[in-house]
Amino acid sequence: MDEKSFVIAAACQAVADGDPNAAAHVLRQQYPFAPEEITLRRYGPVESARVFVRDGFIDRYTGNTLVFPPVLRILSVVLPSEFPFHPHWKTDVTHPAFWEVGATVDHLVPVTRGGADDESNWVTTSMARNSAKMNWTLDELVLQL
């Protein structure tokens, strides 16, 4: 990782020296941005439920027990003040349980990193863990199932 920091430092130095073209060249050559094509995911509620049942509603990264998301939504409808939910997942108005214990599907190996978009690469995790993992592999994060 240090090498990447040095590339950023070199780009910053080129900018400080008044040469943004040199900075751009350094980045293009040594630390390029290569956006991945966005692909639609092939799982929906039925496939997600199958993965949750297969994994026993256990977060495959932490071992914590998770809750079926519709259960959380029912609680939010019945107890909107005590268990609020926002349709855009605003954290300041959504109960933290939706993030912490709500089950969601994650791609073990991100699709953008060559992982398959099928059940063999889907695992159960929490929304918080899924968001934290983002586009990283388990090796890069020094994690394991």
Protein backbone atom coordinates (compact mmCIF):
# COMPACT_ATOMS: atom_id res chain seq x y z
CA MET A 1 0.00 0.00 0.00
CA ASP A 2 2.92 2.36 0.63
CA GLU A 3 3.75 2.41 -3.08
CA LYS A 4 0.31 3.85 -3.81
CA SER A 5 0.87 6.56 -1.22
CA PHE A 6 4.12 7.47 -2.94
CA VAL A 7 2.32 7.72 -6.29
CA ILE A 8 -0.20 10.12 -4.72
CA ALA A 9 2.70 12.09 -3.21
CA ALA A 10 4.36 12.33 -6.63
CA ALA A 11 1.12 13.54 -8.22
CA CYS A 12 0.70 16.13 -5.46
CA GLN A 13 4.28 17.30 -5.94
CA ALA A 14 3.70 17.73 -9.66
CA VAL A 15 0.56 19.78 -8.93
CA ALA A 16 2.51 21.86 -6.36
CA ASP A 17 5.21 22.41 -9.01
CA GLY A 18 2.52 23.82 -11.31
CA ASP A 19 2.49 20.85 -13.68
CA PRO A 20 -0.95 19.19 -13.55
CA ASN A 21 -0.21 17.38 -16.82
CA ALA A 22 2.73 15.61 -15.17
CA ALA A 23 0.49 14.76 -12.21
CA ALA A 24 -2.11 13.30 -14.58
CA HIS A 25 0.58 11.29 -16.35
CA VAL A 26 1.86 9.86 -13.04
CA LEU A 27 -1.64 8.80 -12.07
CA ARG A 28 -2.47 7.33 -15.49
CA GLN A 29 0.75 5.32 -15.53
CA GLN A 30 1.19 4.27 -11.90
CA TYR A 31 -2.24 4.35 -10.24
CA PRO A 32 -4.90 4.48 -12.95
CA PHE A 33 -8.61 4.79 -12.37
CA ALA A 34 -10.34 2.04 -14.29
CA PRO A 35 -14.08 2.11 -13.59
CA GLU A 36 -15.80 -1.22 -13.87
CA GLU A 37 -18.91 -1.67 -15.95
CA ILE A 38 -22.04 -1.70 -13.81
CA THR A 39 -23.88 -4.99 -14.06
CA LEU A 40 -27.37 -5.66 -12.81
CA ARG A 41 -27.54 -8.19 -10.01
CA ARG A 42 -29.40 -11.41 -10.65
CA TYR A 43 -30.86 -11.97 -7.21
CA GLY A 44 -34.18 -10.77 -5.89
CA PRO A 45 -36.22 -11.47 -2.77
CA VAL A 46 -36.65 -15.19 -3.48
CA GLU A 47 -32.95 -15.79 -4.17
CA SER A 48 -32.00 -13.69 -1.14
CA ALA A 49 -34.29 -15.74 1.11
CA ARG A 50 -32.69 -18.95 -0.22
CA VAL A 51 -29.23 -17.63 0.64
CA PHE A 52 -30.36 -16.56 4.13
CA VAL A 53 -31.86 -20.01 4.81
CA ARG A 54 -28.80 -21.77 3.38
CA ASP A 55 -26.55 -19.72 5.69
CA GLY A 56 -28.89 -20.14 8.67
CA PHE A 57 -29.34 -16.36 8.99
CA ILE A 58 -25.74 -16.19 10.21
CA ASP A 59 -23.47 -13.37 9.08
CA ARG A 60 -20.77 -15.25 7.19
CA TYR A 61 -18.15 -12.62 8.09
CA THR A 62 -18.84 -12.22 11.83
CA GLY A 63 -20.85 -15.26 12.91
CA ASN A 64 -23.60 -13.02 14.29
CA THR A 65 -27.26 -13.99 14.02
CA LEU A 66 -29.22 -11.82 11.59
CA VAL A 67 -32.93 -11.07 11.12
CA PHE A 68 -35.08 -11.51 8.01
CA PRO A 69 -35.56 -7.95 6.65
CA PRO A 70 -39.38 -8.16 6.32
CA VAL A 71 -39.54 -8.79 10.08
CA LEU A 72 -37.78 -5.47 10.65
CA ARG A 73 -40.14 -3.69 8.25
CA ILE A 74 -43.20 -5.10 10.06
CA LEU A 75 -41.82 -3.79 13.35
CA SER A 76 -41.33 -0.38 11.77
CA VAL A 77 -44.94 -0.32 10.57
CA VAL A 78 -46.34 -1.42 13.94
CA LEU A 79 -43.93 0.72 16.03
CA PRO A 80 -42.91 3.64 13.79
CA SER A 81 -41.66 5.86 16.63
CA GLU A 82 -39.68 3.16 18.41
CA PHE A 83 -38.43 1.38 15.27
CA PRO A 84 -38.34 3.95 12.45
CA PHE A 85 -37.39 3.19 8.87
CA HIS A 86 -36.63 5.59 6.03
CA PRO A 87 -37.10 4.41 2.42
CA HIS A 88 -33.71 5.89 1.50
CA TRP A 89 -32.00 4.35 4.55
CA LYS A 90 -31.15 7.74 6.11
CA THR A 91 -29.15 6.74 9.15
CA ASP A 92 -30.35 9.65 11.27
CA VAL A 93 -33.99 8.53 10.96
CA THR A 94 -33.66 4.75 10.56
CA HIS A 95 -33.27 2.40 13.53
CA PRO A 96 -29.71 1.00 13.55
CA ALA A 97 -31.05 -2.56 13.58
CA PHE A 98 -31.71 -2.28 9.86
CA TRP A 99 -27.96 -1.88 9.34
CA GLU A 100 -26.66 -4.02 12.21
CA VAL A 101 -28.86 -7.12 12.18
CA GLY A 102 -30.83 -6.99 8.93
CA ALA A 103 -29.75 -9.78 6.58
CA THR A 104 -28.58 -8.89 3.08
CA VAL A 105 -26.72 -10.65 0.30
CA ASP A 106 -23.10 -9.86 -0.47
CA HIS A 107 -20.90 -11.09 -3.28
CA LEU A 108 -18.02 -12.89 -1.60
CA VAL A 109 -15.81 -11.91 -4.54
CA PRO A 110 -17.17 -8.62 -5.91
CA VAL A 111 -18.66 -8.90 -9.40
CA THR A 112 -16.53 -5.91 -10.41
CA ARG A 113 -13.48 -7.92 -9.36
CA GLY A 114 -14.40 -10.98 -11.43
CA GLY A 115 -16.74 -12.74 -8.99
CA ALA A 116 -19.71 -14.70 -10.29
CA ASP A 117 -23.19 -13.26 -9.89
CA ASP A 118 -24.72 -16.51 -8.76
CA GLU A 119 -25.51 -18.43 -5.58
CA SER A 120 -22.01 -19.91 -5.38
CA ASN A 121 -20.67 -16.38 -4.73
CA TRP A 122 -23.51 -15.02 -2.56
CA VAL A 123 -23.22 -14.93 1.23
CA THR A 124 -25.41 -13.62 4.04
CA THR A 125 -24.16 -10.57 5.92
CA SER A 126 -25.48 -7.40 7.53
CA MET A 127 -25.97 -4.19 5.60
CA ALA A 128 -23.30 -2.54 7.77
CA ARG A 129 -20.74 -5.25 6.99
CA ASN A 130 -21.71 -5.27 3.30
CA SER A 131 -21.25 -1.49 3.12
CA ALA A 132 -17.92 -1.67 4.94
CA LYS A 133 -16.63 -4.45 2.67
CA MET A 134 -17.67 -2.58 -0.47
CA ASN A 135 -15.58 -3.64 -3.47
CA TRP A 136 -12.76 -5.28 -1.51
CA THR A 137 -11.85 -8.94 -1.40
CA LEU A 138 -11.53 -10.82 1.88
CA ASP A 139 -7.77 -11.15 1.35
CA GLU A 140 -7.41 -7.38 0.96
CA LEU A 141 -9.36 -6.83 4.18
CA VAL A 142 -7.57 -9.68 5.98
CA LEU A 143 -10.93 -11.35 6.68
CA GLN A 144 -12.18 -14.87 6.32
CA LEU A 145 -15.53 -16.62 6.34
